[in-house]
């Protein structure tokens, strides 16, 4: 998980803290947790996830769909979700 350093005292001491929201869908800014909740509630296809969360259909054309499918497949097989975040970068904004 990506971690950020947080200043904890005036003498420049830092501590690690986990990043709060890990986005799966960068275009629609959908974090992992609502997608996991939708899958737990019965969303079993990428389009059902989109209907419940708006993830998967953005300006990029759906670059998160492979990760959504990975989440679905792993949950169906094990009852758990992938722990690693998406490893690709957010799409560049078009000007």
N, C-alpha and C. Protein backbone atom coordinates (compact mmCIF):
# COMPACT_ATOMS: atom_id res chain seq x y z
N UNK A 1 0.85 -1.17 0.00
CA UNK A 1 0.00 0.00 0.00
C UNK A 1 0.89 1.23 0.00
N UNK A 2 0.47 2.23 -0.71
CA UNK A 2 1.22 3.47 -0.74
C UNK A 2 1.09 4.16 0.62
N UNK A 3 2.21 4.68 1.09
CA UNK A 3 2.18 5.35 2.38
C UNK A 3 2.67 6.77 2.23
N UNK A 4 2.16 7.65 3.05
CA UNK A 4 2.57 9.04 3.07
C UNK A 4 3.23 9.32 4.41
N UNK A 5 4.16 10.26 4.40
CA UNK A 5 4.77 10.66 5.66
C UNK A 5 4.00 11.83 6.23
N UNK A 6 3.78 11.80 7.50
CA UNK A 6 3.05 12.84 8.18
C UNK A 6 3.98 13.45 9.23
N UNK A 7 4.11 14.75 9.20
CA UNK A 7 4.95 15.44 10.18
C UNK A 7 4.28 15.33 11.55
N UNK A 8 5.06 14.90 12.53
CA UNK A 8 4.47 14.67 13.84
C UNK A 8 4.98 15.61 14.92
N UNK A 9 6.08 16.31 14.66
CA UNK A 9 6.59 17.21 15.68
C UNK A 9 7.43 18.31 15.02
N UNK A 10 7.67 19.39 15.74
CA UNK A 10 8.43 20.49 15.17
C UNK A 10 9.86 20.14 14.81
N UNK A 11 10.43 19.09 15.38
CA UNK A 11 11.82 18.76 15.07
C UNK A 11 11.95 17.80 13.88
N UNK A 12 10.97 17.87 12.98
CA UNK A 12 10.99 17.12 11.72
C UNK A 12 10.98 15.61 11.89
N UNK A 13 10.35 15.09 12.90
CA UNK A 13 10.17 13.66 13.05
C UNK A 13 8.96 13.25 12.20
N UNK A 14 9.09 12.16 11.49
CA UNK A 14 8.01 11.71 10.61
C UNK A 14 7.60 10.29 11.00
N UNK A 15 6.34 9.99 10.74
CA UNK A 15 5.87 8.63 10.92
C UNK A 15 5.12 8.23 9.65
N UNK A 16 5.10 6.95 9.38
CA UNK A 16 4.40 6.45 8.20
C UNK A 16 2.92 6.30 8.52
N UNK A 17 2.10 6.68 7.58
CA UNK A 17 0.66 6.42 7.73
C UNK A 17 0.13 5.94 6.39
N UNK A 18 -0.80 5.00 6.38
CA UNK A 18 -1.31 4.48 5.12
C UNK A 18 -2.14 5.53 4.39
N UNK A 19 -2.11 5.43 3.08
CA UNK A 19 -2.94 6.31 2.27
C UNK A 19 -4.39 5.96 2.53
N UNK A 20 -5.22 6.96 2.72
CA UNK A 20 -6.60 6.74 3.15
C UNK A 20 -7.45 6.09 2.05
N UNK A 21 -7.53 6.69 0.90
CA UNK A 21 -8.34 6.16 -0.19
C UNK A 21 -7.46 5.71 -1.33
N UNK A 22 -7.61 4.46 -1.73
CA UNK A 22 -6.90 3.94 -2.88
C UNK A 22 -7.93 3.85 -4.01
N UNK A 23 -7.76 4.70 -5.00
CA UNK A 23 -8.73 4.72 -6.09
C UNK A 23 -8.51 3.55 -7.03
N UNK A 24 -9.60 2.93 -7.42
CA UNK A 24 -9.58 1.91 -8.45
C UNK A 24 -9.94 2.58 -9.77
N UNK A 25 -10.98 3.39 -9.76
CA UNK A 25 -11.40 4.13 -10.96
C UNK A 25 -10.94 5.58 -10.79
N UNK A 26 -9.89 5.93 -11.53
CA UNK A 26 -9.34 7.28 -11.40
C UNK A 26 -10.27 8.33 -12.02
N UNK A 27 -10.88 8.02 -13.16
CA UNK A 27 -11.71 9.01 -13.85
C UNK A 27 -12.90 9.46 -13.00
N UNK A 28 -13.56 8.49 -12.38
CA UNK A 28 -14.73 8.81 -11.57
C UNK A 28 -14.41 8.86 -10.08
N UNK A 29 -13.13 8.74 -9.75
CA UNK A 29 -12.63 8.86 -8.37
C UNK A 29 -13.38 7.92 -7.42
N UNK A 30 -13.41 6.65 -7.80
CA UNK A 30 -14.10 5.64 -6.98
C UNK A 30 -13.04 4.83 -6.24
N UNK A 31 -13.03 4.91 -4.90
CA UNK A 31 -12.08 4.12 -4.11
C UNK A 31 -12.46 2.64 -4.09
N UNK A 32 -11.55 1.86 -3.57
CA UNK A 32 -11.72 0.40 -3.52
C UNK A 32 -12.88 -0.04 -2.63
N UNK A 33 -13.07 0.62 -1.50
CA UNK A 33 -14.07 0.16 -0.53
C UNK A 33 -15.51 0.10 -1.07
N UNK A 34 -16.02 1.13 -1.77
CA UNK A 34 -17.39 1.01 -2.27
C UNK A 34 -17.54 -0.07 -3.34
N UNK A 35 -16.48 -0.34 -4.08
CA UNK A 35 -16.53 -1.41 -5.08
C UNK A 35 -16.60 -2.75 -4.37
N UNK A 36 -15.78 -2.92 -3.34
CA UNK A 36 -15.84 -4.16 -2.56
C UNK A 36 -17.22 -4.36 -1.95
N UNK A 37 -17.80 -3.29 -1.43
CA UNK A 37 -19.14 -3.38 -0.83
C UNK A 37 -20.18 -3.78 -1.87
N UNK A 38 -20.07 -3.22 -3.08
CA UNK A 38 -21.01 -3.57 -4.15
C UNK A 38 -20.89 -5.04 -4.53
N UNK A 39 -19.67 -5.54 -4.59
CA UNK A 39 -19.46 -6.96 -4.92
C UNK A 39 -20.04 -7.84 -3.82
N UNK A 40 -19.82 -7.45 -2.58
CA UNK A 40 -20.40 -8.22 -1.45
C UNK A 40 -21.93 -8.24 -1.51
N UNK A 41 -22.53 -7.15 -2.01
CA UNK A 41 -23.99 -7.06 -2.11
C UNK A 41 -24.54 -7.83 -3.31
N UNK A 42 -23.66 -8.36 -4.17
CA UNK A 42 -24.13 -9.18 -5.28
C UNK A 42 -23.79 -8.69 -6.67
N UNK A 43 -23.11 -7.59 -6.80
CA UNK A 43 -22.68 -7.14 -8.13
C UNK A 43 -21.63 -8.13 -8.63
N UNK A 44 -21.97 -8.86 -9.70
CA UNK A 44 -21.07 -9.92 -10.15
C UNK A 44 -20.57 -9.73 -11.58
N UNK A 45 -20.76 -8.54 -12.14
CA UNK A 45 -20.21 -8.20 -13.44
C UNK A 45 -19.69 -6.77 -13.39
N UNK A 46 -18.75 -6.42 -14.29
CA UNK A 46 -18.28 -5.03 -14.31
C UNK A 46 -19.40 -4.01 -14.53
N UNK A 47 -20.39 -4.34 -15.35
CA UNK A 47 -21.49 -3.39 -15.57
C UNK A 47 -22.35 -3.21 -14.32
N UNK A 48 -22.55 -4.25 -13.55
CA UNK A 48 -23.29 -4.11 -12.30
C UNK A 48 -22.50 -3.25 -11.31
N UNK A 49 -21.16 -3.41 -11.31
CA UNK A 49 -20.33 -2.55 -10.47
C UNK A 49 -20.47 -1.10 -10.91
N UNK A 50 -20.47 -0.86 -12.22
CA UNK A 50 -20.66 0.50 -12.73
C UNK A 50 -21.99 1.07 -12.28
N UNK A 51 -23.05 0.29 -12.43
CA UNK A 51 -24.38 0.77 -12.03
C UNK A 51 -24.41 1.14 -10.54
N UNK A 52 -23.69 0.40 -9.71
CA UNK A 52 -23.71 0.64 -8.27
C UNK A 52 -22.74 1.72 -7.82
N UNK A 53 -21.62 1.91 -8.57
CA UNK A 53 -20.56 2.79 -8.06
C UNK A 53 -20.05 3.83 -9.04
N UNK A 54 -20.38 3.72 -10.30
CA UNK A 54 -19.84 4.55 -11.40
C UNK A 54 -18.41 4.19 -11.77
N UNK A 55 -17.86 3.13 -11.25
CA UNK A 55 -16.50 2.70 -11.63
C UNK A 55 -16.56 1.91 -12.92
N UNK A 56 -15.56 2.13 -13.77
CA UNK A 56 -15.41 1.30 -14.96
C UNK A 56 -15.76 1.95 -16.27
N UNK A 57 -16.44 3.06 -16.25
CA UNK A 57 -16.82 3.72 -17.49
C UNK A 57 -16.52 5.20 -17.32
N UNK A 58 -15.32 5.58 -17.69
CA UNK A 58 -14.91 6.98 -17.55
C UNK A 58 -14.34 7.50 -18.84
N UNK A 59 -13.78 8.66 -18.77
CA UNK A 59 -13.23 9.32 -19.94
C UNK A 59 -12.08 8.53 -20.56
N UNK A 60 -11.42 7.68 -19.76
CA UNK A 60 -10.29 6.90 -20.26
C UNK A 60 -10.74 5.71 -21.09
N UNK A 61 -12.02 5.37 -21.02
CA UNK A 61 -12.52 4.22 -21.75
C UNK A 61 -12.54 2.94 -20.94
N UNK A 62 -12.29 3.05 -19.64
CA UNK A 62 -12.40 1.88 -18.78
C UNK A 62 -11.08 1.21 -18.45
N UNK A 63 -10.05 1.97 -18.19
CA UNK A 63 -8.74 1.37 -17.89
C UNK A 63 -8.76 0.57 -16.59
N UNK A 64 -9.75 0.76 -15.74
CA UNK A 64 -9.81 0.00 -14.48
C UNK A 64 -10.57 -1.32 -14.63
N UNK A 65 -11.16 -1.57 -15.78
CA UNK A 65 -11.95 -2.79 -15.94
C UNK A 65 -11.17 -4.07 -15.68
N UNK A 66 -9.89 -4.18 -16.12
CA UNK A 66 -9.16 -5.41 -15.79
C UNK A 66 -9.02 -5.61 -14.27
N UNK A 67 -8.82 -4.52 -13.53
CA UNK A 67 -8.70 -4.65 -12.07
C UNK A 67 -10.06 -4.97 -11.46
N UNK A 68 -11.14 -4.41 -11.99
CA UNK A 68 -12.48 -4.76 -11.51
C UNK A 68 -12.73 -6.25 -11.71
N UNK A 69 -12.34 -6.76 -12.88
CA UNK A 69 -12.52 -8.19 -13.15
C UNK A 69 -11.67 -9.03 -12.20
N UNK A 70 -10.46 -8.57 -11.92
CA UNK A 70 -9.59 -9.27 -10.96
C UNK A 70 -10.26 -9.31 -9.58
N UNK A 71 -10.86 -8.20 -9.17
CA UNK A 71 -11.56 -8.16 -7.88
C UNK A 71 -12.70 -9.17 -7.88
N UNK A 72 -13.49 -9.20 -8.97
CA UNK A 72 -14.61 -10.14 -9.06
C UNK A 72 -14.12 -11.59 -9.02
N UNK A 73 -13.09 -11.89 -9.81
CA UNK A 73 -12.59 -13.26 -9.90
C UNK A 73 -12.03 -13.74 -8.56
N UNK A 74 -11.24 -12.88 -7.92
CA UNK A 74 -10.64 -13.30 -6.65
C UNK A 74 -11.71 -13.46 -5.57
N UNK A 75 -12.71 -12.56 -5.55
CA UNK A 75 -13.77 -12.68 -4.55
C UNK A 75 -14.58 -13.96 -4.78
N UNK A 76 -14.86 -14.29 -6.04
CA UNK A 76 -15.62 -15.51 -6.35
C UNK A 76 -14.84 -16.76 -5.94
N UNK A 77 -13.52 -16.72 -6.12
CA UNK A 77 -12.69 -17.89 -5.84
C UNK A 77 -12.36 -18.06 -4.35
N UNK A 78 -12.16 -16.93 -3.65
CA UNK A 78 -11.63 -17.03 -2.28
C UNK A 78 -12.48 -16.35 -1.22
N UNK A 79 -13.37 -15.46 -1.65
CA UNK A 79 -14.13 -14.68 -0.68
C UNK A 79 -13.37 -13.46 -0.18
N UNK A 80 -12.19 -13.23 -0.73
CA UNK A 80 -11.36 -12.08 -0.38
C UNK A 80 -11.08 -11.25 -1.62
N UNK A 81 -10.60 -10.03 -1.39
CA UNK A 81 -10.26 -9.12 -2.48
C UNK A 81 -8.75 -9.00 -2.60
N UNK A 82 -8.26 -8.59 -3.79
CA UNK A 82 -6.82 -8.34 -3.92
C UNK A 82 -6.37 -7.28 -2.91
N UNK A 83 -5.21 -7.48 -2.34
CA UNK A 83 -4.71 -6.51 -1.37
C UNK A 83 -3.83 -5.46 -2.02
N UNK A 84 -3.28 -5.77 -3.18
CA UNK A 84 -2.42 -4.79 -3.84
C UNK A 84 -3.26 -3.79 -4.62
N UNK A 85 -2.82 -2.54 -4.66
CA UNK A 85 -3.55 -1.53 -5.44
C UNK A 85 -3.29 -1.72 -6.93
N UNK A 86 -4.01 -0.97 -7.73
CA UNK A 86 -3.72 -0.96 -9.17
C UNK A 86 -2.29 -0.47 -9.35
N UNK A 87 -1.60 -1.05 -10.29
CA UNK A 87 -0.21 -0.67 -10.49
C UNK A 87 -0.01 0.24 -11.70
N UNK A 88 -1.05 0.47 -12.43
CA UNK A 88 -0.92 1.39 -13.55
C UNK A 88 -1.17 2.82 -13.08
N UNK A 89 -0.82 3.75 -13.89
CA UNK A 89 -0.97 5.16 -13.52
C UNK A 89 -2.33 5.69 -13.94
N UNK A 90 -2.78 6.75 -13.28
CA UNK A 90 -4.02 7.38 -13.74
C UNK A 90 -3.83 7.88 -15.16
N UNK A 91 -4.88 7.87 -15.96
CA UNK A 91 -4.76 8.38 -17.33
C UNK A 91 -4.47 9.87 -17.32
N UNK A 92 -3.74 10.32 -18.33
CA UNK A 92 -3.45 11.75 -18.44
C UNK A 92 -4.70 12.46 -18.90
N UNK A 93 -4.91 13.65 -18.33
CA UNK A 93 -6.07 14.45 -18.71
C UNK A 93 -5.87 14.99 -20.12
N UNK A 94 -6.94 14.90 -20.87
CA UNK A 94 -6.90 15.44 -22.23
C UNK A 94 -7.13 16.94 -22.18
N UNK A 95 -6.39 17.64 -23.04
CA UNK A 95 -6.57 19.10 -23.03
C UNK A 95 -7.37 19.57 -24.20
